[in-house]
């Protein structure tokens, strides 16, 4: 039964993982996002009170 011979399948498995771990991650990490997150300032925003006419 040739499908039980591990020699070719082990080589294919090792080579495919070698491709996945060396070629694909740099390509994925090279993508840039159009909207980079900006840091918010730590000082609190000034809020103004509302003047409601309660008549």
C-alpha atoms as a PDB file:
ATOM      1  CA  UNK A   1       0.000   0.000   0.000  1.00  0.00           C
ATOM      2  CA  UNK A   2       1.907   3.064  -1.196  1.00  0.00           C
ATOM      3  CA  UNK A   3      -0.130   5.590   0.833  1.00  0.00           C
ATOM      4  CA  UNK A   4       1.374   4.178   4.032  1.00  0.00           C
ATOM      5  CA  UNK A   5       4.922   4.910   2.926  1.00  0.00           C
ATOM      6  CA  UNK A   6       5.877   8.018   4.963  1.00  0.00           C
ATOM      7  CA  UNK A   7       8.894   9.002   2.901  1.00  0.00           C
ATOM      8  CA  UNK A   8       7.271  11.232   0.238  1.00  0.00           C
ATOM      9  CA  UNK A   9       4.508  12.578   2.505  1.00  0.00           C
ATOM     10  CA  UNK A  10       6.888  13.559   5.265  1.00  0.00           C
ATOM     11  CA  UNK A  11       9.024  15.481   2.778  1.00  0.00           C
ATOM     12  CA  UNK A  12       5.933  17.231   1.395  1.00  0.00           C
ATOM     13  CA  UNK A  13       4.771  18.121   4.910  1.00  0.00           C
ATOM     14  CA  UNK A  14       8.163  19.497   5.932  1.00  0.00           C
ATOM     15  CA  UNK A  15       8.545  21.475   2.713  1.00  0.00           C
ATOM     16  CA  UNK A  16       5.047  22.962   2.943  1.00  0.00           C
ATOM     17  CA  UNK A  17       5.655  24.065   6.555  1.00  0.00           C
ATOM     18  CA  UNK A  18       8.997  25.520   5.501  1.00  0.00           C
ATOM     19  CA  UNK A  19       7.178  27.557   2.848  1.00  0.00           C
ATOM     20  CA  UNK A  20       4.481  28.645   5.301  1.00  0.00           C
ATOM     21  CA  UNK A  21       6.952  29.732   7.965  1.00  0.00           C
ATOM     22  CA  UNK A  22       9.491  31.514   5.743  1.00  0.00           C
ATOM     23  CA  UNK A  23       7.627  33.042   2.805  1.00  0.00           C
ATOM     24  CA  UNK A  24       4.081  33.784   3.914  1.00  0.00           C
ATOM     25  CA  UNK A  25       4.581  35.658   7.272  1.00  0.00           C
ATOM     26  CA  UNK A  26       6.714  38.494   5.793  1.00  0.00           C
ATOM     27  CA  UNK A  27       4.145  38.966   3.040  1.00  0.00           C
ATOM     28  CA  UNK A  28       1.309  39.160   5.555  1.00  0.00           C
ATOM     29  CA  UNK A  29       3.215  41.489   7.901  1.00  0.00           C
ATOM     30  CA  UNK A  30       4.097  43.827   5.004  1.00  0.00           C
ATOM     31  CA  UNK A  31       0.471  44.935   4.660  1.00  0.00           C
ATOM     32  CA  UNK A  32      -0.246  48.398   6.000  1.00  0.00           C
ATOM     33  CA  UNK A  33      -3.518  49.660   7.329  1.00  0.00           C
ATOM     34  CA  UNK A  34      -4.933  52.881   5.839  1.00  0.00           C
ATOM     35  CA  UNK A  35      -6.034  54.259   9.209  1.00  0.00           C
ATOM     36  CA  UNK A  36      -3.223  53.990  11.710  1.00  0.00           C
ATOM     37  CA  UNK A  37      -4.397  54.479  15.295  1.00  0.00           C
ATOM     38  CA  UNK A  38      -3.380  57.764  16.865  1.00  0.00           C
ATOM     39  CA  UNK A  39      -2.531  58.211  20.507  1.00  0.00           C
ATOM     40  CA  UNK A  40      -4.955  60.285  22.543  1.00  0.00           C
ATOM     41  CA  UNK A  41      -3.652  62.954  24.820  1.00  0.00           C
ATOM     42  CA  UNK A  42      -3.695  62.194  28.516  1.00  0.00           C
ATOM     43  CA  UNK A  43      -5.105  65.536  29.583  1.00  0.00           C
ATOM     44  CA  UNK A  44      -8.833  65.640  30.152  1.00  0.00           C
ATOM     45  CA  UNK A  45     -11.007  67.461  27.649  1.00  0.00           C
ATOM     46  CA  UNK A  46     -12.595  70.644  28.948  1.00  0.00           C
ATOM     47  CA  UNK A  47     -16.363  70.504  29.084  1.00  0.00           C
ATOM     48  CA  UNK A  48     -18.613  73.515  29.326  1.00  0.00           C
ATOM     49  CA  UNK A  49     -21.842  73.556  31.275  1.00  0.00           C
ATOM     50  CA  UNK A  50     -25.092  73.969  29.440  1.00  0.00           C
ATOM     51  CA  UNK A  51     -27.364  76.927  30.133  1.00  0.00           C
ATOM     52  CA  UNK A  52     -30.903  75.630  29.976  1.00  0.00           C
ATOM     53  CA  UNK A  53     -33.741  78.118  30.112  1.00  0.00           C
ATOM     54  CA  UNK A  54     -36.015  76.490  32.670  1.00  0.00           C
ATOM     55  CA  UNK A  55     -39.102  78.640  32.483  1.00  0.00           C
END
